[in-house]
């Protein structure tokens, strides 16, 4: 998730939700523009000129230059793991990320070995949905404890929405390929447990 600057600690979950949606529109716009600019001289400049033409994509409280910060804000992300104190600390909910990662791996193996070729695109969509959920859950769990409560709640709610979309896609595929009924039913059941744990964590933040 892109880092937000110039946002106030007193923002509530709904204000953060609006900003996260804005962030997702920026990402969507970036990747829509990328194929037409790929490998061209100054491709980054071309893409950002397109983003800058849409004022609603600029982060709240920011300016057009903040879009460039948004794109490069994750470059030093790996440096966060250099802190030896953080390396051995497991935050509440870390097991959720581990479980989603395990389920995503199992689905990828199942998809590659057992999915009918006519359903490849649907299966790939589920792989992507797992990846999106994994990234969102990691954002929710790994945020520093000092992070604004409203932001953490909003991230948790977004993770729940992504999980529901994933379950819907799995259930649709279960109806399309009955030979995977047991595997998909088990995955849906285990994702239900993940959902319950996410809900618990969000409710704890509301207290």
N, C-alpha and C. Protein backbone atom coordinates (compact mmCIF):
# COMPACT_ATOMS: atom_id res chain seq x y z
N UNK A 1 0.84 -1.19 0.00
CA UNK A 1 0.00 0.00 0.00
C UNK A 1 0.88 1.23 0.00
N UNK A 2 0.52 2.19 -0.84
CA UNK A 2 1.31 3.41 -0.88
C UNK A 2 1.21 4.15 0.43
N UNK A 3 2.29 4.81 0.82
CA UNK A 3 2.29 5.57 2.07
C UNK A 3 1.59 6.89 1.84
N UNK A 4 0.77 7.33 2.78
CA UNK A 4 0.05 8.58 2.66
C UNK A 4 0.76 9.65 3.47
N UNK A 5 0.94 10.80 2.86
CA UNK A 5 1.54 11.92 3.57
C UNK A 5 0.47 12.98 3.83
N UNK A 6 0.75 13.83 4.79
CA UNK A 6 -0.09 14.99 5.07
C UNK A 6 -1.49 14.60 5.52
N UNK A 7 -1.67 13.40 6.02
CA UNK A 7 -2.97 13.00 6.54
C UNK A 7 -2.94 13.06 8.05
N UNK A 8 -4.08 13.38 8.62
CA UNK A 8 -4.16 13.62 10.05
C UNK A 8 -4.46 12.35 10.82
N UNK A 9 -3.91 12.28 12.02
CA UNK A 9 -4.13 11.12 12.86
C UNK A 9 -5.59 10.96 13.27
N UNK A 10 -6.35 12.06 13.22
CA UNK A 10 -7.72 11.98 13.69
C UNK A 10 -8.69 11.51 12.60
N UNK A 11 -8.19 11.19 11.42
CA UNK A 11 -9.08 10.67 10.38
C UNK A 11 -9.79 9.43 10.89
N UNK A 12 -11.06 9.28 10.54
CA UNK A 12 -11.78 8.07 10.90
C UNK A 12 -11.68 7.04 9.77
N UNK A 13 -12.27 5.88 10.01
CA UNK A 13 -12.15 4.79 9.04
C UNK A 13 -12.76 5.14 7.69
N UNK A 14 -13.79 5.97 7.68
CA UNK A 14 -14.47 6.30 6.43
C UNK A 14 -13.63 7.27 5.59
N UNK A 15 -12.93 8.18 6.24
CA UNK A 15 -12.02 9.06 5.51
C UNK A 15 -10.85 8.27 4.94
N UNK A 16 -10.35 7.32 5.72
CA UNK A 16 -9.27 6.48 5.22
C UNK A 16 -9.76 5.58 4.07
N UNK A 17 -11.00 5.11 4.21
CA UNK A 17 -11.56 4.28 3.14
C UNK A 17 -11.60 5.06 1.83
N UNK A 18 -12.00 6.31 1.89
CA UNK A 18 -12.04 7.16 0.70
C UNK A 18 -10.65 7.32 0.10
N UNK A 19 -9.64 7.50 0.96
CA UNK A 19 -8.27 7.68 0.47
C UNK A 19 -7.71 6.39 -0.11
N UNK A 20 -8.05 5.25 0.48
CA UNK A 20 -7.59 3.96 -0.05
C UNK A 20 -8.20 3.73 -1.43
N UNK A 21 -9.47 4.07 -1.58
CA UNK A 21 -10.12 3.93 -2.90
C UNK A 21 -9.43 4.82 -3.93
N UNK A 22 -9.03 6.01 -3.51
CA UNK A 22 -8.31 6.91 -4.40
C UNK A 22 -6.96 6.28 -4.79
N UNK A 23 -6.30 5.67 -3.82
CA UNK A 23 -5.02 5.00 -4.09
C UNK A 23 -5.21 3.88 -5.10
N UNK A 24 -6.29 3.13 -4.98
CA UNK A 24 -6.54 2.03 -5.90
C UNK A 24 -6.86 2.54 -7.30
N UNK A 25 -7.53 3.69 -7.40
CA UNK A 25 -7.78 4.28 -8.72
C UNK A 25 -6.46 4.70 -9.36
N UNK A 26 -5.53 5.23 -8.55
CA UNK A 26 -4.21 5.58 -9.09
C UNK A 26 -3.51 4.35 -9.65
N UNK A 27 -3.54 3.26 -8.88
CA UNK A 27 -2.90 2.02 -9.34
C UNK A 27 -3.54 1.53 -10.63
N UNK A 28 -4.87 1.53 -10.67
CA UNK A 28 -5.59 1.07 -11.85
C UNK A 28 -5.24 1.92 -13.07
N UNK A 29 -5.22 3.24 -12.88
CA UNK A 29 -4.89 4.14 -13.98
C UNK A 29 -3.47 3.92 -14.45
N UNK A 30 -2.55 3.74 -13.51
CA UNK A 30 -1.14 3.51 -13.87
C UNK A 30 -1.00 2.30 -14.78
N UNK A 31 -1.64 1.19 -14.40
CA UNK A 31 -1.49 -0.03 -15.19
C UNK A 31 -2.30 0.01 -16.49
N UNK A 32 -3.33 0.84 -16.56
CA UNK A 32 -4.03 1.03 -17.83
C UNK A 32 -3.14 1.76 -18.82
N UNK A 33 -2.39 2.73 -18.32
CA UNK A 33 -1.53 3.52 -19.20
C UNK A 33 -0.24 2.80 -19.57
N UNK A 34 0.21 1.88 -18.71
CA UNK A 34 1.52 1.26 -18.88
C UNK A 34 1.71 0.55 -20.23
N UNK A 35 0.76 -0.27 -20.73
CA UNK A 35 1.01 -0.98 -22.00
C UNK A 35 1.29 -0.05 -23.17
N UNK A 36 0.62 1.11 -23.20
CA UNK A 36 0.81 2.03 -24.32
C UNK A 36 2.14 2.78 -24.24
N UNK A 37 2.74 2.81 -23.05
CA UNK A 37 3.98 3.58 -22.85
C UNK A 37 5.20 2.69 -22.65
N UNK A 38 4.99 1.39 -22.52
CA UNK A 38 6.06 0.48 -22.15
C UNK A 38 7.23 0.57 -23.12
N UNK A 39 8.43 0.71 -22.56
CA UNK A 39 9.69 0.74 -23.32
C UNK A 39 9.86 1.97 -24.20
N UNK A 40 8.97 2.95 -24.08
CA UNK A 40 9.14 4.19 -24.83
C UNK A 40 10.04 5.14 -24.04
N UNK A 41 10.77 6.00 -24.71
CA UNK A 41 11.58 6.98 -23.96
C UNK A 41 10.69 7.84 -23.07
N UNK A 42 11.08 7.98 -21.83
CA UNK A 42 10.31 8.80 -20.91
C UNK A 42 8.96 8.21 -20.57
N UNK A 43 8.87 6.87 -20.48
CA UNK A 43 7.57 6.24 -20.22
C UNK A 43 6.97 6.67 -18.90
N UNK A 44 7.82 6.82 -17.86
CA UNK A 44 7.31 7.24 -16.56
C UNK A 44 6.68 8.63 -16.65
N UNK A 45 7.36 9.52 -17.38
CA UNK A 45 6.84 10.89 -17.50
C UNK A 45 5.50 10.89 -18.23
N UNK A 46 5.37 10.05 -19.25
CA UNK A 46 4.11 9.98 -19.99
C UNK A 46 2.98 9.49 -19.10
N UNK A 47 3.28 8.48 -18.31
CA UNK A 47 2.24 7.93 -17.43
C UNK A 47 1.83 8.96 -16.40
N UNK A 48 2.80 9.64 -15.78
CA UNK A 48 2.46 10.58 -14.73
C UNK A 48 1.77 11.82 -15.28
N UNK A 49 2.06 12.19 -16.52
CA UNK A 49 1.31 13.29 -17.14
C UNK A 49 -0.16 12.92 -17.26
N UNK A 50 -0.42 11.64 -17.55
CA UNK A 50 -1.81 11.19 -17.62
C UNK A 50 -2.46 11.21 -16.24
N UNK A 51 -1.72 10.76 -15.22
CA UNK A 51 -2.26 10.78 -13.86
C UNK A 51 -2.53 12.21 -13.40
N UNK A 52 -1.61 13.12 -13.74
CA UNK A 52 -1.75 14.50 -13.29
C UNK A 52 -2.94 15.20 -13.94
N UNK A 53 -3.40 14.66 -15.08
CA UNK A 53 -4.56 15.26 -15.75
C UNK A 53 -5.86 14.94 -15.03
N UNK A 54 -5.78 14.09 -14.00
CA UNK A 54 -6.97 13.71 -13.24
C UNK A 54 -6.79 14.14 -11.78
N UNK A 55 -7.26 15.33 -11.44
CA UNK A 55 -7.04 15.87 -10.08
C UNK A 55 -7.53 14.97 -8.97
N UNK A 56 -8.55 14.14 -9.23
CA UNK A 56 -9.08 13.30 -8.15
C UNK A 56 -8.13 12.18 -7.78
N UNK A 57 -7.02 12.02 -8.53
CA UNK A 57 -6.04 10.99 -8.20
C UNK A 57 -4.95 11.50 -7.27
N UNK A 58 -4.87 12.81 -7.09
CA UNK A 58 -3.85 13.37 -6.22
C UNK A 58 -4.22 13.08 -4.77
N UNK A 59 -3.28 12.58 -3.95
CA UNK A 59 -3.59 12.29 -2.55
C UNK A 59 -4.17 13.49 -1.83
N UNK A 60 -5.13 13.24 -0.96
CA UNK A 60 -5.75 14.31 -0.18
C UNK A 60 -4.70 15.07 0.61
N UNK A 61 -4.73 16.39 0.51
CA UNK A 61 -3.77 17.20 1.24
C UNK A 61 -2.41 17.25 0.57
N UNK A 62 -2.29 16.61 -0.60
CA UNK A 62 -1.01 16.58 -1.30
C UNK A 62 -1.01 17.54 -2.47
N UNK A 63 -0.06 17.36 -3.35
CA UNK A 63 0.05 18.16 -4.56
C UNK A 63 0.48 17.23 -5.68
N UNK A 64 0.50 17.69 -6.93
CA UNK A 64 0.86 16.79 -8.02
C UNK A 64 2.18 16.06 -7.83
N UNK A 65 3.17 16.72 -7.20
CA UNK A 65 4.45 16.05 -6.99
C UNK A 65 4.32 14.85 -6.07
N UNK A 66 3.29 14.85 -5.23
CA UNK A 66 3.13 13.72 -4.30
C UNK A 66 2.80 12.44 -5.04
N UNK A 67 2.31 12.54 -6.28
CA UNK A 67 2.07 11.33 -7.08
C UNK A 67 3.39 10.63 -7.37
N UNK A 68 4.43 11.39 -7.59
CA UNK A 68 5.73 10.77 -7.84
C UNK A 68 6.24 10.10 -6.57
N UNK A 69 6.02 10.74 -5.42
CA UNK A 69 6.39 10.11 -4.16
C UNK A 69 5.61 8.81 -3.98
N UNK A 70 4.31 8.86 -4.32
CA UNK A 70 3.46 7.66 -4.19
C UNK A 70 4.05 6.49 -4.96
N UNK A 71 4.54 6.76 -6.18
CA UNK A 71 5.05 5.67 -6.99
C UNK A 71 6.33 5.10 -6.43
N UNK A 72 7.17 5.94 -5.85
CA UNK A 72 8.50 5.48 -5.40
C UNK A 72 8.54 5.20 -3.90
N UNK A 73 7.41 5.31 -3.21
CA UNK A 73 7.44 5.23 -1.75
C UNK A 73 7.82 3.87 -1.22
N UNK A 74 7.70 2.81 -2.03
CA UNK A 74 7.99 1.47 -1.55
C UNK A 74 9.40 1.00 -1.88
N UNK A 75 10.22 1.88 -2.51
CA UNK A 75 11.53 1.45 -2.96
C UNK A 75 12.40 0.98 -1.80
N UNK A 76 12.27 1.63 -0.64
CA UNK A 76 13.10 1.28 0.51
C UNK A 76 12.35 0.41 1.51
N UNK A 77 11.26 -0.20 1.05
CA UNK A 77 10.41 -0.96 1.96
C UNK A 77 11.17 -2.09 2.64
N UNK A 78 12.08 -2.75 1.89
CA UNK A 78 12.79 -3.88 2.46
C UNK A 78 13.69 -3.48 3.63
N UNK A 79 14.05 -2.20 3.70
CA UNK A 79 14.90 -1.76 4.78
C UNK A 79 14.21 -1.89 6.14
N UNK A 80 12.88 -1.93 6.13
CA UNK A 80 12.14 -2.06 7.37
C UNK A 80 12.45 -3.35 8.09
N UNK A 81 12.91 -4.36 7.34
CA UNK A 81 13.15 -5.67 7.93
C UNK A 81 14.56 -5.80 8.50
N UNK A 82 15.32 -4.69 8.42
CA UNK A 82 16.68 -4.75 8.93
C UNK A 82 16.74 -4.55 10.43
N UNK A 83 15.64 -4.10 11.03
CA UNK A 83 15.61 -3.85 12.47
C UNK A 83 15.54 -5.19 13.20
N UNK A 84 16.59 -5.57 13.97
CA UNK A 84 16.58 -6.87 14.64
C UNK A 84 15.46 -7.02 15.65
N UNK A 85 14.99 -5.89 16.22
CA UNK A 85 13.89 -5.98 17.18
C UNK A 85 12.60 -6.39 16.48
N UNK A 86 12.37 -5.85 15.26
CA UNK A 86 11.17 -6.20 14.51
C UNK A 86 11.23 -7.62 13.97
N UNK A 87 12.44 -8.10 13.69
CA UNK A 87 12.60 -9.40 13.04
C UNK A 87 12.02 -10.53 13.88
N UNK A 88 12.14 -10.44 15.20
CA UNK A 88 11.66 -11.53 16.03
C UNK A 88 10.28 -11.30 16.62
N UNK A 89 9.63 -10.22 16.23
CA UNK A 89 8.34 -9.87 16.81
C UNK A 89 7.21 -10.25 15.86
N UNK A 90 6.25 -10.99 16.37
CA UNK A 90 5.07 -11.34 15.59
C UNK A 90 3.88 -10.53 16.10
N UNK A 91 3.33 -9.74 15.21
CA UNK A 91 2.20 -8.92 15.60
C UNK A 91 0.91 -9.73 15.59
N UNK A 92 -0.09 -9.30 16.33
CA UNK A 92 -1.38 -10.01 16.32
C UNK A 92 -1.92 -10.12 14.91
N UNK A 93 -2.31 -11.32 14.52
CA UNK A 93 -2.86 -11.53 13.19
C UNK A 93 -1.86 -12.06 12.18
N UNK A 94 -0.60 -12.20 12.59
CA UNK A 94 0.41 -12.70 11.65
C UNK A 94 0.02 -14.08 11.13
N UNK A 95 -0.64 -14.87 11.97
CA UNK A 95 -1.04 -16.21 11.54
C UNK A 95 -2.06 -16.15 10.40
N UNK A 96 -2.80 -15.05 10.30
CA UNK A 96 -3.75 -14.88 9.19
C UNK A 96 -3.00 -14.81 7.87
N UNK A 97 -1.94 -14.01 7.84
CA UNK A 97 -1.14 -13.89 6.61
C UNK A 97 -0.52 -15.23 6.24
N UNK A 98 -0.02 -15.95 7.25
CA UNK A 98 0.57 -17.27 6.99
C UNK A 98 -0.46 -18.23 6.40
N UNK A 99 -1.68 -18.20 6.93
CA UNK A 99 -2.72 -19.10 6.45
C UNK A 99 -3.15 -18.76 5.02
N UNK A 100 -3.30 -17.48 4.73
CA UNK A 100 -3.66 -17.08 3.36
C UNK A 100 -2.56 -17.48 2.39
N UNK A 101 -1.31 -17.31 2.81
CA UNK A 101 -0.18 -17.70 1.96
C UNK A 101 -0.22 -19.20 1.67
N UNK A 102 -0.51 -19.98 2.69
CA UNK A 102 -0.58 -21.44 2.51
C UNK A 102 -1.72 -21.82 1.57
N UNK A 103 -2.88 -21.21 1.76
CA UNK A 103 -4.03 -21.51 0.91
C UNK A 103 -3.77 -21.07 -0.53
N UNK A 104 -3.11 -19.95 -0.70
CA UNK A 104 -2.79 -19.48 -2.04
C UNK A 104 -1.85 -20.45 -2.75
N UNK A 105 -0.86 -20.96 -2.02
CA UNK A 105 0.08 -21.93 -2.60
C UNK A 105 -0.65 -23.21 -3.00
N UNK A 106 -1.53 -23.69 -2.13
CA UNK A 106 -2.27 -24.92 -2.43
C UNK A 106 -3.17 -24.72 -3.64
N UNK A 107 -3.79 -23.53 -3.75
CA UNK A 107 -4.64 -23.29 -4.90
C UNK A 107 -3.82 -23.24 -6.19
N UNK A 108 -2.66 -22.62 -6.15
CA UNK A 108 -1.82 -22.53 -7.34
C UNK A 108 -1.44 -23.92 -7.85
N UNK A 109 -1.09 -24.82 -6.91
CA UNK A 109 -0.76 -26.19 -7.28
C UNK A 109 -1.98 -26.89 -7.88
N UNK A 110 -3.13 -26.73 -7.24
CA UNK A 110 -4.36 -27.34 -7.71
C UNK A 110 -4.73 -26.80 -9.09
N UNK A 111 -4.60 -25.51 -9.25
CA UNK A 111 -4.93 -24.87 -10.52
C UNK A 111 -4.06 -25.41 -11.65
N UNK A 112 -2.77 -25.57 -11.37
CA UNK A 112 -1.84 -26.03 -12.40
C UNK A 112 -2.02 -27.50 -12.74
N UNK A 113 -2.46 -28.29 -11.77
CA UNK A 113 -2.51 -29.74 -11.98
C UNK A 113 -3.89 -30.28 -12.32
N UNK A 114 -4.94 -29.60 -11.90
CA UNK A 114 -6.27 -30.21 -12.00
C UNK A 114 -7.33 -29.37 -12.71
N UNK A 115 -7.07 -28.11 -12.96
CA UNK A 115 -8.08 -27.26 -13.55
C UNK A 115 -8.20 -27.50 -15.06
N UNK A 116 -9.43 -27.59 -15.55
CA UNK A 116 -9.64 -27.76 -16.98
C UNK A 116 -9.09 -26.55 -17.73
N UNK A 117 -8.54 -26.79 -18.90
CA UNK A 117 -7.91 -25.71 -19.68
C UNK A 117 -8.91 -24.62 -20.05
N UNK A 118 -10.18 -24.99 -20.20
CA UNK A 118 -11.19 -24.00 -20.56
C UNK A 118 -11.48 -23.03 -19.40
N UNK A 119 -11.00 -23.37 -18.20
CA UNK A 119 -11.22 -22.53 -17.03
C UNK A 119 -9.95 -21.84 -16.55
N UNK A 120 -8.93 -21.84 -17.41
CA UNK A 120 -7.65 -21.27 -17.02
C UNK A 120 -7.77 -19.82 -16.56
N UNK A 121 -8.53 -19.01 -17.29
CA UNK A 121 -8.64 -17.60 -16.95
C UNK A 121 -9.32 -17.41 -15.59
N UNK A 122 -10.34 -18.22 -15.34
CA UNK A 122 -11.02 -18.14 -14.05
C UNK A 122 -10.06 -18.55 -12.92
N UNK A 123 -9.31 -19.61 -13.17
CA UNK A 123 -8.35 -20.05 -12.16
C UNK A 123 -7.28 -19.02 -11.91
N UNK A 124 -6.80 -18.37 -12.98
CA UNK A 124 -5.79 -17.33 -12.82
C UNK A 124 -6.35 -16.14 -12.06
N UNK A 125 -7.62 -15.84 -12.31
CA UNK A 125 -8.26 -14.75 -11.58
C UNK A 125 -8.28 -15.03 -10.08
N UNK A 126 -8.48 -16.29 -9.72
CA UNK A 126 -8.48 -16.66 -8.30
C UNK A 126 -7.07 -16.56 -7.72
N UNK A 127 -6.07 -16.93 -8.51
CA UNK A 127 -4.68 -16.75 -8.06
C UNK A 127 -4.42 -15.27 -7.74
N UNK A 128 -4.88 -14.39 -8.64
CA UNK A 128 -4.70 -12.95 -8.42
C UNK A 128 -5.48 -12.48 -7.20
N UNK A 129 -6.69 -13.04 -7.01
CA UNK A 129 -7.51 -12.66 -5.85
C UNK A 129 -6.83 -13.06 -4.55
N UNK A 130 -6.19 -14.23 -4.55
CA UNK A 130 -5.42 -14.64 -3.37
C UNK A 130 -4.27 -13.66 -3.12
N UNK A 131 -3.59 -13.27 -4.20
CA UNK A 131 -2.48 -12.34 -4.05
C UNK A 131 -2.93 -10.99 -3.51
N UNK A 132 -4.08 -10.52 -3.99
CA UNK A 132 -4.62 -9.25 -3.51
C UNK A 132 -4.98 -9.35 -2.03
N UNK A 133 -5.63 -10.45 -1.65
CA UNK A 133 -6.00 -10.64 -0.25
C UNK A 133 -4.77 -10.74 0.63
N UNK A 134 -3.76 -11.45 0.15
CA UNK A 134 -2.53 -11.60 0.92
C UNK A 134 -1.86 -10.25 1.17
N UNK A 135 -1.80 -9.43 0.12
CA UNK A 135 -1.18 -8.11 0.27
C UNK A 135 -1.99 -7.23 1.22
N UNK A 136 -3.32 -7.30 1.10
CA UNK A 136 -4.17 -6.47 1.95
C UNK A 136 -4.08 -6.90 3.42
N UNK A 137 -4.10 -8.21 3.64
CA UNK A 137 -4.00 -8.71 5.02
C UNK A 137 -2.65 -8.34 5.62
N UNK A 138 -1.58 -8.39 4.81
CA UNK A 138 -0.26 -8.00 5.30
C UNK A 138 -0.24 -6.52 5.66
N UNK A 139 -0.87 -5.68 4.83
CA UNK A 139 -0.97 -4.25 5.16
C UNK A 139 -1.66 -4.05 6.50
N UNK A 140 -2.73 -4.80 6.70
CA UNK A 140 -3.52 -4.66 7.93
C UNK A 140 -2.73 -5.13 9.15
N UNK A 141 -2.10 -6.27 9.04
CA UNK A 141 -1.41 -6.87 10.18
C UNK A 141 -0.08 -6.19 10.46
N UNK A 142 0.65 -5.83 9.41
CA UNK A 142 2.02 -5.35 9.59
C UNK A 142 2.14 -3.88 9.89
N UNK A 143 1.03 -3.15 9.82
CA UNK A 143 1.13 -1.73 10.13
C UNK A 143 1.58 -1.54 11.57
N UNK A 144 2.38 -0.51 11.79
CA UNK A 144 2.89 -0.25 13.13
C UNK A 144 1.75 -0.04 14.12
N UNK A 145 1.93 -0.47 15.36
CA UNK A 145 0.89 -0.28 16.37
C UNK A 145 0.50 1.18 16.54
N UNK A 146 1.43 2.10 16.24
CA UNK A 146 1.15 3.53 16.41
C UNK A 146 0.29 4.08 15.27
N UNK A 147 0.07 3.28 14.21
CA UNK A 147 -0.71 3.75 13.08
C UNK A 147 -2.11 4.16 13.51
N UNK A 148 -2.64 5.18 12.85
CA UNK A 148 -3.98 5.67 13.18
C UNK A 148 -4.98 4.53 13.19
N UNK A 149 -5.79 4.49 14.23
CA UNK A 149 -6.75 3.41 14.40
C UNK A 149 -7.73 3.35 13.22
N UNK A 150 -8.15 4.53 12.74
CA UNK A 150 -9.07 4.57 11.62
C UNK A 150 -8.50 3.90 10.38
N UNK A 151 -7.20 4.10 10.14
CA UNK A 151 -6.55 3.47 8.99
C UNK A 151 -6.52 1.96 9.15
N UNK A 152 -6.16 1.48 10.32
CA UNK A 152 -6.10 0.04 10.53
C UNK A 152 -7.48 -0.60 10.37
N UNK A 153 -8.51 0.05 10.89
CA UNK A 153 -9.87 -0.50 10.74
C UNK A 153 -10.25 -0.55 9.27
N UNK A 154 -9.94 0.52 8.55
CA UNK A 154 -10.28 0.56 7.12
C UNK A 154 -9.56 -0.54 6.36
N UNK A 155 -8.29 -0.76 6.67
CA UNK A 155 -7.54 -1.83 6.01
C UNK A 155 -8.13 -3.20 6.32
N UNK A 156 -8.57 -3.39 7.57
CA UNK A 156 -9.20 -4.65 7.92
C UNK A 156 -10.49 -4.88 7.17
N UNK A 157 -11.29 -3.83 7.03
CA UNK A 157 -12.55 -3.94 6.28
C UNK A 157 -12.28 -4.23 4.81
N UNK A 158 -11.25 -3.63 4.26
CA UNK A 158 -10.91 -3.90 2.85
C UNK A 158 -10.46 -5.34 2.68
N UNK A 159 -9.71 -5.86 3.65
CA UNK A 159 -9.29 -7.26 3.58
C UNK A 159 -10.51 -8.18 3.60
N UNK A 160 -11.49 -7.86 4.42
CA UNK A 160 -12.71 -8.66 4.48
C UNK A 160 -13.46 -8.61 3.16
N UNK A 161 -13.52 -7.46 2.53
CA UNK A 161 -14.19 -7.34 1.23
C UNK A 161 -13.46 -8.17 0.17
N UNK A 162 -12.13 -8.12 0.19
CA UNK A 162 -11.35 -8.91 -0.77
C UNK A 162 -11.56 -10.40 -0.54
N UNK A 163 -11.65 -10.80 0.74
CA UNK A 163 -11.88 -12.21 1.06
C UNK A 163 -13.24 -12.66 0.54
N UNK A 164 -14.25 -11.83 0.69
CA UNK A 164 -15.58 -12.19 0.21
C UNK A 164 -15.60 -12.34 -1.31
N UNK A 165 -14.88 -11.47 -2.01
CA UNK A 165 -14.79 -11.59 -3.46
C UNK A 165 -14.10 -12.89 -3.86
N UNK A 166 -13.05 -13.25 -3.14
CA UNK A 166 -12.33 -14.49 -3.42
C UNK A 166 -13.24 -15.70 -3.21
N UNK A 167 -13.96 -15.72 -2.11
CA UNK A 167 -14.86 -16.84 -1.84
C UNK A 167 -15.93 -16.94 -2.92
N UNK A 168 -16.45 -15.81 -3.37
CA UNK A 168 -17.44 -15.81 -4.44
C UNK A 168 -16.89 -16.42 -5.72
N UNK A 169 -15.64 -16.10 -6.06
CA UNK A 169 -15.01 -16.65 -7.26
C UNK A 169 -14.78 -18.15 -7.12
N UNK A 170 -14.38 -18.58 -5.94
CA UNK A 170 -14.18 -20.01 -5.70
C UNK A 170 -15.50 -20.78 -5.81
N UNK A 171 -16.55 -20.24 -5.23
CA UNK A 171 -17.84 -20.92 -5.28
C UNK A 171 -18.39 -20.99 -6.69
N UNK A 172 -18.12 -19.97 -7.48
CA UNK A 172 -18.54 -19.99 -8.88
C UNK A 172 -17.79 -21.07 -9.64
N UNK A 173 -16.49 -21.19 -9.39
CA UNK A 173 -15.70 -22.22 -10.06
C UNK A 173 -16.12 -23.62 -9.62
N UNK A 174 -16.49 -23.76 -8.38
CA UNK A 174 -16.94 -25.06 -7.87
C UNK A 174 -18.14 -25.57 -8.67
N UNK A 175 -19.00 -24.66 -9.11
CA UNK A 175 -20.16 -25.04 -9.91
C UNK A 175 -19.77 -25.35 -11.36
N UNK A 176 -18.62 -24.85 -11.78
CA UNK A 176 -18.19 -25.05 -13.16
C UNK A 176 -17.36 -26.33 -13.33
N UNK A 177 -16.65 -26.75 -12.29
CA UNK A 177 -15.86 -27.98 -12.35
C UNK A 177 -16.11 -28.80 -11.09
N UNK A 178 -17.03 -29.74 -11.20
CA UNK A 178 -17.46 -30.50 -10.03
C UNK A 178 -16.36 -31.40 -9.46
N UNK A 179 -15.37 -31.74 -10.29
CA UNK A 179 -14.30 -32.61 -9.80
C UNK A 179 -13.45 -31.91 -8.73
N UNK A 180 -13.54 -30.59 -8.64
CA UNK A 180 -12.78 -29.84 -7.63
C UNK A 180 -13.66 -29.42 -6.45
N UNK A 181 -14.85 -30.01 -6.37
CA UNK A 181 -15.79 -29.59 -5.34
C UNK A 181 -15.22 -29.72 -3.94
N UNK A 182 -14.60 -30.85 -3.63
CA UNK A 182 -14.10 -31.06 -2.26
C UNK A 182 -12.95 -30.10 -1.95
N UNK A 183 -12.03 -29.91 -2.89
CA UNK A 183 -10.89 -29.02 -2.66
C UNK A 183 -11.36 -27.58 -2.45
N UNK A 184 -12.30 -27.15 -3.30
CA UNK A 184 -12.78 -25.78 -3.20
C UNK A 184 -13.61 -25.58 -1.93
N UNK A 185 -14.42 -26.57 -1.59
CA UNK A 185 -15.23 -26.47 -0.38
C UNK A 185 -14.36 -26.33 0.86
N UNK A 186 -13.25 -27.09 0.89
CA UNK A 186 -12.33 -26.99 2.02
C UNK A 186 -11.68 -25.61 2.08
N UNK A 187 -11.28 -25.09 0.91
CA UNK A 187 -10.67 -23.76 0.86
C UNK A 187 -11.65 -22.71 1.36
N UNK A 188 -12.91 -22.82 0.96
CA UNK A 188 -13.93 -21.86 1.39
C UNK A 188 -14.14 -21.95 2.90
N UNK A 189 -14.13 -23.17 3.43
CA UNK A 189 -14.29 -23.35 4.87
C UNK A 189 -13.13 -22.72 5.64
N UNK A 190 -11.92 -22.94 5.16
CA UNK A 190 -10.75 -22.38 5.85
C UNK A 190 -10.71 -20.86 5.73
N UNK A 191 -11.15 -20.33 4.59
CA UNK A 191 -11.23 -18.88 4.45
C UNK A 191 -12.28 -18.30 5.39
N UNK A 192 -13.29 -19.12 5.71
CA UNK A 192 -14.28 -18.69 6.69
C UNK A 192 -13.65 -18.47 8.06
N UNK A 193 -12.71 -19.34 8.43
CA UNK A 193 -11.99 -19.16 9.69
C UNK A 193 -11.13 -17.89 9.65
N UNK A 194 -10.51 -17.64 8.49
CA UNK A 194 -9.72 -16.42 8.34
C UNK A 194 -10.62 -15.20 8.50
N UNK A 195 -11.81 -15.27 7.91
CA UNK A 195 -12.76 -14.16 8.02
C UNK A 195 -13.10 -13.89 9.49
N UNK A 196 -13.37 -14.95 10.24
CA UNK A 196 -13.71 -14.77 11.66
C UNK A 196 -12.58 -14.11 12.43
N UNK A 197 -11.35 -14.49 12.13
CA UNK A 197 -10.20 -13.91 12.83
C UNK A 197 -10.04 -12.43 12.45
N UNK A 198 -10.24 -12.12 11.17
CA UNK A 198 -10.15 -10.72 10.74
C UNK A 198 -11.23 -9.88 11.43
N UNK A 199 -12.44 -10.41 11.49
CA UNK A 199 -13.52 -9.69 12.14
C UNK A 199 -13.19 -9.43 13.60
N UNK A 200 -12.62 -10.44 14.27
CA UNK A 200 -12.24 -10.28 15.68
C UNK A 200 -11.24 -9.13 15.85
N UNK A 201 -10.24 -9.09 14.97
CA UNK A 201 -9.21 -8.06 15.07
C UNK A 201 -9.79 -6.66 14.81
N UNK A 202 -10.68 -6.56 13.82
CA UNK A 202 -11.31 -5.27 13.54
C UNK A 202 -12.16 -4.82 14.73
N UNK A 203 -12.90 -5.76 15.30
CA UNK A 203 -13.75 -5.41 16.44
C UNK A 203 -12.92 -5.00 17.65
N UNK A 204 -11.77 -5.62 17.84
CA UNK A 204 -10.88 -5.22 18.93
C UNK A 204 -10.41 -3.78 18.76
N UNK A 205 -10.17 -3.38 17.50
CA UNK A 205 -9.73 -2.01 17.24
C UNK A 205 -10.86 -1.01 17.49
N UNK A 206 -12.09 -1.44 17.33
CA UNK A 206 -13.23 -0.53 17.53
C UNK A 206 -13.48 -0.25 19.01
N UNK A 207 -13.00 -1.13 19.89
CA UNK A 207 -13.28 -0.98 21.31
C UNK A 207 -12.47 0.16 21.92
